Protein backbone atom coordinates (compact mmCIF):
# COMPACT_ATOMS: atom_id res chain seq x y z
CA MET A 1 -17.42 5.22 -9.77
CA GLY A 2 -15.34 8.26 -10.71
CA LYS A 3 -16.44 10.95 -13.10
CA TYR A 4 -13.67 10.28 -15.66
CA ARG A 5 -13.34 7.58 -18.32
CA VAL A 6 -10.03 5.92 -19.17
CA LEU A 7 -9.44 3.74 -22.24
CA THR A 8 -6.69 1.10 -22.14
CA MET A 9 -5.29 -1.27 -24.78
CA VAL A 10 -2.52 -2.75 -22.66
CA PRO A 11 -1.86 -6.35 -21.55
CA TYR A 12 -2.65 -7.24 -17.91
CA PHE A 13 -3.83 -3.71 -17.10
CA ASP A 14 -6.76 -5.22 -15.21
CA LYS A 15 -4.35 -5.97 -12.34
CA VAL A 16 -3.90 -2.24 -11.61
CA VAL A 17 -7.41 -0.95 -12.37
CA LYS A 18 -8.12 -0.58 -8.64
CA VAL A 19 -5.72 2.38 -8.63
CA PHE A 20 -8.46 4.35 -10.42
CA ASN A 21 -11.14 3.60 -7.79
CA GLU A 22 -13.33 6.67 -7.12
CA VAL A 23 -11.55 8.59 -9.89
CA ALA A 24 -12.38 6.93 -13.19
CA GLN A 25 -14.13 4.12 -15.00
CA VAL A 26 -11.66 2.03 -17.01
CA ASP A 27 -12.58 0.35 -20.29
CA SER A 28 -10.14 -2.17 -21.71
CA ILE A 29 -10.01 -3.16 -25.37
CA TRP A 30 -6.86 -5.27 -25.06
CA GLY A 31 -7.17 -8.56 -26.89
CA LYS A 32 -10.31 -7.67 -28.82
CA LYS A 33 -8.22 -7.61 -31.97
CA LEU A 34 -5.25 -9.85 -32.72
CA ARG A 35 -3.27 -6.85 -33.91
CA LEU A 36 -2.53 -3.24 -33.00
CA TYR A 37 -5.29 -0.67 -33.26
CA THR A 38 -4.90 1.70 -36.19
CA GLU A 39 -4.89 5.50 -36.00
CA ASP A 40 -8.36 5.59 -37.55
CA GLU A 41 -9.77 3.08 -35.06
CA LEU A 42 -8.34 5.05 -32.12
CA ALA A 43 -9.68 8.28 -33.61
CA GLU A 44 -13.20 6.86 -33.41
CA LEU A 45 -12.80 5.79 -29.78
CA LEU A 46 -10.86 8.62 -28.12
CA PRO A 47 -13.53 11.37 -28.17
CA ASN A 48 -15.44 9.35 -25.54
CA TYR A 49 -12.58 9.32 -23.03
CA ASP A 50 -10.65 11.64 -20.71
CA ALA A 51 -7.40 9.66 -20.73
CA CYS A 52 -5.96 6.68 -22.54
CA VAL A 53 -3.20 4.15 -22.02
CA VAL A 54 -1.59 2.74 -25.16
CA TRP A 55 1.01 0.03 -25.43
CA ILE A 56 2.60 0.17 -28.89
CA ASP A 57 -0.52 1.27 -30.77
CA PRO A 58 0.07 4.41 -32.89
CA LEU A 59 -1.24 7.51 -31.14
CA LYS A 60 -0.33 9.84 -33.97
CA GLY A 61 -1.93 11.71 -36.87
CA ARG A 62 -5.71 11.49 -36.89
CA ALA A 63 -5.74 9.63 -33.57
CA MET A 64 -3.84 12.40 -31.81
CA GLU A 65 -6.11 15.02 -33.37
CA ALA A 66 -9.16 13.14 -32.08
CA GLY A 67 -7.57 12.94 -28.63
CA LYS A 68 -6.47 16.54 -28.27
CA HIS A 69 -8.93 17.00 -25.39
CA LEU A 70 -7.32 14.23 -23.30
CA LYS A 71 -6.08 15.04 -19.82
CA ALA A 72 -3.34 12.40 -19.94
CA ILE A 73 -1.79 9.74 -22.16
CA GLY A 74 -0.05 6.72 -20.65
CA VAL A 75 2.60 4.44 -22.20
CA PRO A 76 3.65 1.65 -19.79
CA ARG A 77 7.08 1.20 -21.34
CA ALA A 78 10.50 2.85 -21.15
CA GLY A 79 10.00 4.21 -24.68
CA TYR A 80 7.12 6.21 -26.13
CA ASP A 81 8.00 6.50 -29.83
CA ASN A 82 4.49 5.32 -30.79
CA VAL A 83 3.06 8.59 -29.44
CA ASP A 84 3.38 12.00 -31.09
CA VAL A 85 4.77 13.70 -28.01
CA LYS A 86 5.30 16.97 -29.88
CA LYS A 87 1.58 17.21 -30.70
CA ALA A 88 0.64 16.12 -27.18
CA THR A 89 2.76 18.95 -25.83
CA GLU A 90 1.07 21.37 -28.23
CA TYR A 91 -2.29 20.29 -26.84
CA GLY A 92 -1.04 20.49 -23.24
CA ILE A 93 -1.39 16.73 -22.63
CA PRO A 94 1.14 15.07 -20.31
CA VAL A 95 2.55 11.81 -21.69
CA VAL A 96 3.27 9.46 -18.81
CA PHE A 97 5.68 6.53 -19.19
CA SER A 98 7.61 4.10 -16.97
CA PRO A 99 11.38 4.52 -17.30
CA GLY A 100 13.38 1.86 -15.48
CA ALA A 101 10.40 -0.34 -14.65
CA ASN A 102 11.60 -3.17 -16.88
CA SER A 103 15.34 -2.56 -16.66
CA SER A 104 16.10 -5.63 -14.53
CA ALA A 105 14.06 -7.83 -16.86
CA VAL A 106 15.93 -6.60 -19.93
CA ALA A 107 19.31 -6.92 -18.21
CA ASP A 108 18.55 -10.52 -17.22
CA PHE A 109 17.40 -11.35 -20.75
CA THR A 110 20.51 -9.75 -22.24
CA MET A 111 22.75 -12.00 -20.14
CA GLY A 112 20.62 -14.96 -21.19
CA LEU A 113 21.17 -14.11 -24.85
CA ILE A 114 24.90 -13.72 -24.29
CA LEU A 115 25.18 -17.14 -22.65
CA SER A 116 23.00 -18.74 -25.30
CA LEU A 117 25.14 -17.29 -28.08
CA VAL A 118 28.61 -18.01 -26.79
CA ARG A 119 27.71 -21.56 -25.70
CA SER A 120 25.41 -22.39 -28.68
CA ILE A 121 22.54 -23.22 -26.31
CA ALA A 122 19.66 -22.16 -28.59
CA GLN A 123 21.25 -23.70 -31.67
CA LYS A 124 21.93 -27.07 -30.04
CA ASN A 125 18.48 -27.16 -28.47
CA HIS A 126 17.00 -26.74 -31.95
CA GLU A 127 19.31 -29.32 -33.53
CA ILE A 128 18.68 -32.03 -30.93
CA LYS A 129 14.90 -31.55 -31.10
CA GLU A 130 15.01 -31.73 -34.89
CA GLY A 131 17.16 -34.87 -34.78
CA ASN A 132 19.87 -33.04 -36.65
CA LEU A 133 22.65 -32.74 -34.09
CA LYS A 134 25.94 -31.86 -35.73
CA GLY A 135 29.11 -33.46 -34.43
CA ARG A 136 29.44 -35.97 -31.56
CA TRP A 137 26.71 -35.89 -28.92
CA ALA A 138 29.03 -34.55 -26.22
CA LEU A 139 31.15 -32.26 -28.40
CA VAL A 140 29.62 -29.54 -30.53
CA ASP A 141 31.19 -28.24 -33.72
CA ASP A 142 31.51 -24.72 -32.28
CA VAL A 143 32.57 -24.98 -28.65
CA GLY A 144 32.26 -21.23 -28.04
CA PHE A 145 34.12 -19.44 -25.27
CA GLY A 146 33.80 -18.67 -21.58
CA LEU A 147 32.89 -15.20 -20.35
CA GLU A 148 35.57 -14.82 -17.69
CA GLY A 149 38.22 -12.36 -18.86
CA LYS A 150 36.34 -11.43 -22.03
CA VAL A 151 35.57 -7.81 -22.90
CA LEU A 152 31.94 -6.74 -22.83
CA GLY A 153 31.22 -3.47 -24.63
CA ILE A 154 28.04 -1.71 -23.47
CA LEU A 155 26.60 1.00 -25.74
CA GLY A 156 24.32 3.12 -23.56
CA LEU A 157 24.86 3.45 -19.82
CA GLY A 158 21.32 4.08 -18.64
CA ASN A 159 19.31 1.95 -16.23
CA ILE A 160 19.55 -1.19 -18.36
CA GLY A 161 23.16 -0.84 -19.49
CA CYS A 162 24.34 -0.35 -15.92
CA ARG A 163 22.39 -3.37 -14.71
CA VAL A 164 23.97 -5.47 -17.46
CA ALA A 165 27.36 -4.29 -16.19
CA LEU A 166 26.52 -5.49 -12.67
CA ARG A 167 25.55 -8.92 -13.94
CA ALA A 168 28.51 -9.25 -16.31
CA LYS A 169 30.91 -8.35 -13.50
CA ALA A 170 29.75 -11.47 -11.66
CA PHE A 171 30.93 -13.53 -14.65
CA GLY A 172 34.40 -12.02 -14.39
CA MET A 173 34.10 -9.96 -17.57
CA HIS A 174 36.07 -6.79 -18.28
CA ILE A 175 33.50 -4.09 -19.02
CA ILE A 176 33.93 -1.08 -21.27
CA GLY A 177 31.15 1.37 -21.97
CA TYR A 178 30.27 4.25 -24.24
CA ASP A 179 27.56 6.85 -23.72
CA PRO A 180 27.92 10.41 -25.06
CA PHE A 181 26.08 11.73 -21.99
CA VAL A 182 28.22 9.93 -19.40
CA ASP A 183 31.71 10.70 -18.15
CA GLU A 184 33.65 9.66 -15.03
CA ASN A 185 31.87 12.30 -12.95
CA THR A 186 28.35 11.43 -14.09
CA GLN A 187 26.13 9.67 -11.60
CA THR A 188 24.40 6.80 -13.39
CA GLY A 189 20.75 5.80 -13.03
CA LEU A 190 21.82 3.39 -10.29
CA GLY A 191 23.09 6.30 -8.20
CA VAL A 192 26.78 5.42 -8.53
CA TYR A 193 29.57 6.45 -10.89
CA PRO A 194 30.77 4.32 -13.83
CA THR A 195 34.02 3.33 -12.12
CA GLU A 196 32.05 2.13 -9.07
CA LEU A 197 30.25 -0.27 -11.42
CA GLY A 198 33.56 -1.47 -12.81
CA ILE A 199 32.98 0.22 -16.18
CA GLU A 200 35.94 1.56 -18.12
CA LEU A 201 34.68 4.43 -20.26
CA SER A 202 35.68 4.18 -23.90
CA SER A 203 35.21 5.95 -27.21
CA PHE A 204 32.64 4.52 -29.62
CA GLU A 205 35.23 3.24 -32.12
CA ASP A 206 37.53 1.86 -29.44
CA LEU A 207 34.64 -0.13 -27.99
CA LEU A 208 33.78 -1.61 -31.38
CA LYS A 209 37.39 -2.70 -31.90
CA ARG A 210 38.06 -4.12 -28.44
CA ALA A 211 34.87 -5.85 -27.35
CA ASP A 212 34.34 -9.59 -27.62
CA ILE A 213 30.62 -9.00 -27.10
CA ILE A 214 28.77 -5.75 -27.80
CA THR A 215 25.35 -5.09 -26.30
CA LEU A 216 23.09 -2.17 -27.23
CA HIS A 217 20.99 -0.29 -24.68
CA LEU A 218 20.07 2.93 -26.45
CA PRO A 219 16.88 4.86 -27.22
CA ILE A 220 15.91 5.43 -30.83
CA THR A 221 16.80 9.00 -31.80
CA PRO A 222 17.98 10.68 -35.02
CA GLU A 223 21.54 10.14 -33.71
CA THR A 224 21.14 6.43 -32.95
CA LYS A 225 19.09 5.39 -35.98
CA GLY A 226 21.41 3.28 -38.16
CA LEU A 227 24.24 3.76 -35.65
CA ILE A 228 25.56 0.25 -36.35
CA GLY A 229 26.09 -0.10 -40.09
CA GLU A 230 28.57 -1.69 -42.46
CA ARG A 231 31.50 0.49 -41.32
CA GLU A 232 30.87 -0.15 -37.63
CA LEU A 233 30.47 -3.89 -38.14
CA SER A 234 33.75 -3.95 -40.07
CA LEU A 235 35.54 -2.58 -36.99
CA MET A 236 34.40 -5.47 -34.80
CA LYS A 237 36.56 -8.51 -34.11
CA PRO A 238 35.90 -11.49 -36.41
CA ASN A 239 35.25 -13.60 -33.31
CA SER A 240 32.82 -11.15 -31.70
CA TYR A 241 29.08 -11.08 -31.07
CA ILE A 242 26.49 -8.29 -31.03
CA ILE A 243 23.29 -8.18 -28.97
CA ASN A 244 20.33 -5.80 -29.47
CA THR A 245 17.51 -5.61 -26.94
CA SER A 246 16.83 -1.89 -27.41
CA ARG A 247 15.40 -0.75 -30.77
CA GLY A 248 15.64 -2.48 -34.14
CA LYS A 249 16.40 0.60 -36.21
CA ILE A 250 19.69 1.16 -34.38
CA ILE A 251 21.24 -1.60 -36.52
CA ASP A 252 21.26 -1.66 -40.31
CA GLU A 253 19.73 -5.12 -40.77
CA GLY A 254 21.03 -5.48 -44.32
CA ALA A 255 24.59 -4.78 -43.25
CA LEU A 256 24.24 -7.12 -40.26
CA TYR A 257 22.89 -9.94 -42.44
CA LYS A 258 25.84 -9.58 -44.79
CA ALA A 259 28.38 -9.55 -41.94
CA LEU A 260 26.81 -12.66 -40.36
CA LYS A 261 26.47 -14.56 -43.63
CA GLU A 262 30.09 -13.87 -44.57
CA ARG A 263 31.17 -14.74 -40.99
CA ARG A 264 32.88 -11.38 -40.58
CA ILE A 265 31.48 -11.45 -37.05
CA ARG A 266 30.75 -14.64 -35.13
CA GLY A 267 27.09 -14.14 -34.27
CA ALA A 268 24.24 -11.93 -33.10
CA ALA A 269 21.14 -12.03 -30.90
CA LEU A 270 18.24 -9.73 -31.70
CA ASP A 271 15.07 -9.14 -29.68
CA VAL A 272 14.07 -6.12 -31.77
CA PHE A 273 13.78 -5.47 -35.49
CA VAL A 274 13.29 -2.69 -38.02
CA LYS A 275 9.81 -4.05 -38.70
CA GLU A 276 7.82 -5.71 -35.93
CA PRO A 277 6.49 -8.31 -35.89
CA LEU A 278 9.33 -9.80 -37.92
CA ASP A 279 8.43 -10.78 -41.48
CA TYR A 280 8.81 -14.51 -42.02
CA ASP A 281 10.71 -13.88 -45.24
CA ASN A 282 13.39 -11.88 -43.40
CA PRO A 283 16.76 -13.36 -44.51
CA LEU A 284 18.05 -13.31 -40.92
CA LEU A 285 15.80 -16.31 -40.25
CA LYS A 286 17.91 -18.44 -42.55
CA LEU A 287 21.16 -17.93 -40.61
CA ASP A 288 22.40 -20.36 -37.98
CA ASN A 289 24.60 -17.82 -36.19
CA VAL A 290 21.82 -15.50 -35.03
CA ILE A 291 19.26 -15.87 -32.22
CA LEU A 292 15.92 -14.11 -32.80
CA THR A 293 13.25 -13.45 -30.16
CA PRO A 294 9.98 -11.46 -30.55
CA HIS A 295 10.63 -8.31 -28.47
CA ILE A 296 10.18 -10.09 -25.13
CA ALA A 297 13.26 -8.93 -23.20
CA TRP A 298 11.13 -6.57 -21.08
CA CYS A 299 8.41 -9.14 -20.45
CA THR A 300 8.19 -10.57 -16.91
CA GLU A 301 5.24 -10.57 -14.50
CA GLU A 302 7.02 -8.11 -12.26
CA ALA A 303 8.04 -5.71 -15.03
CA ILE A 304 4.57 -5.66 -16.61
CA TYR A 305 2.86 -5.00 -13.29
CA ARG A 306 5.37 -2.32 -12.31
CA SER A 307 5.08 -0.51 -15.66
CA ASN A 308 1.29 -0.55 -15.59
CA TYR A 309 1.16 0.51 -11.95
CA ILE A 310 3.44 3.51 -12.48
CA VAL A 311 1.33 4.77 -15.39
CA ALA A 312 -1.98 4.15 -13.58
CA LYS A 313 -0.73 5.98 -10.48
CA GLU A 314 0.50 9.02 -12.42
CA ILE A 315 -2.68 9.32 -14.52
CA THR A 316 -4.76 9.10 -11.35
CA ARG A 317 -2.76 11.97 -9.87
CA ILE A 318 -3.31 14.07 -12.98
CA LEU A 319 -7.07 13.38 -13.03
CA LYS A 320 -7.22 14.41 -9.36
CA GLY A 321 -5.51 17.68 -10.21
CA GLU A 322 -2.33 16.64 -8.40
CA ARG A 323 1.23 16.99 -9.66
CA PRO A 324 2.68 13.78 -11.12
CA ASN A 325 6.25 12.62 -10.62
CA LEU A 326 8.07 14.49 -13.40
CA ARG A 327 10.51 11.61 -13.78
CA ASN A 328 7.63 9.69 -15.34
CA VAL A 329 6.47 12.46 -17.69
CA ALA A 330 7.95 12.62 -21.19
CA ASN A 331 6.97 16.27 -21.64
CA PRO A 332 7.14 17.88 -18.17
CA ILE A 333 6.85 21.34 -19.74
CA VAL A 334 3.06 20.89 -19.80
CA ILE A 335 2.89 20.38 -16.03
CA LYS A 336 2.01 23.57 -14.19
CA LEU A 337 4.13 24.14 -11.12
């Protein structure tokens, strides 16, 4: 048994615990509460550990203060907004995460949402199970449209956005993309240039106006928070759809509800929300032209294992005094060369 102690509150982390053999003892508190741990609860636990791995539990405020002695913090996700990275950097603690580990899972799910929306799959499944099928059994009231020849607008050309482009190309879609950090000479996360993925680069407004389907693959930053509001929705085609599998706060939910209710856009699919879990009095639940799923786009056996493994491997390196892969460190400035 190793000399260090690691605390985890992450699903299925037991499958990668062997990575810590001879380095650390791992204690898991996942599933002991049917909710996230609070800052105060984490603050009571962290003084007894040398490293911790959090999922979406809030490692901020009092919890971060109590954990300022930690040698590493792990977040087995592509995002780490639940951790106060600024404070961690102040304390010299590397924050390890797993960019790209779930990108294929999210790209697959995005295409699934697109197909479900444009062909009314989720809606008709619900209607037939409820015994409330509208229209003739073999002809739905909204026949939707095919994807071949339609314009897919991708906001954010990182690992996930580029993988969505690859999949959409197979459906014969015309792909336009916008990312302020990508131009024709930028190598994407897939190691190729946008044109090699069949992506026509566009301005933000042009994409909103031209796309039949818009899909969001952006991190949450001060620049992206509320990026899609009433004005942006008004630029979209009346027959268009919008998909969000990135972060809920990128879309103004009030403005989206209004646009959907008034049929100013045709529909939406959301896997993420401003408040999670989604409140059951959220007005979006009452609309028949929106698909809602509980933040599961990333969630496959392979993606979960890969994310946990990456974080476990990097924390093990840090505890051994070895240099981690800086690609997986949110604040590489704390790593001594």
